[in-house]
Amino acid sequence: RGLIGAEELALLPRHAVVVNVGRGAVIDEHALYAALREGRLHGAGLDVWWSYPATYEEALCTPPSAFPYGELDRVVLSPHRGGGIGVADLELARMRRIGEMLSAAGRDGVERMPHRWDFGLGY
């Protein structure tokens, strides 16, 4: 828990993209959100949640974090499904797609990133 906090994130250059595919709690939730919101990091690829639903019924109403990461332009969220579960070809395609999205955001800018969150549509 808290292996990477505000102090460690401050050491990264502004063009850094943080990727967490392990456990959410490895990175301090508030420190990462603040660094992204304030533009001290370029972006993040998060294949982790900080909050997990206790039951299947709660899965649709349990936010991944206490902070609204989904409102940030330079964040790709995935609920621990970036790869390694299920049919190998499907998972490889999913991992490839996440990589393409992160690459496009870094290369072309967030505005031109495919599959951006659309608040008007709700996804």
Foldseek 3Di string as FASTA:
>chain_A
DQCAELVNLLPDALAAEAEDLDEPVNYDPVSVVVCQVVSRHLAYEYCYANDDDPDPVCRVPIDRYPDPPLVGLRYHYHPSQCADDDDHVVNVVSVVLSVQQNVCCSPVNSVPRPPRDDVVVPD
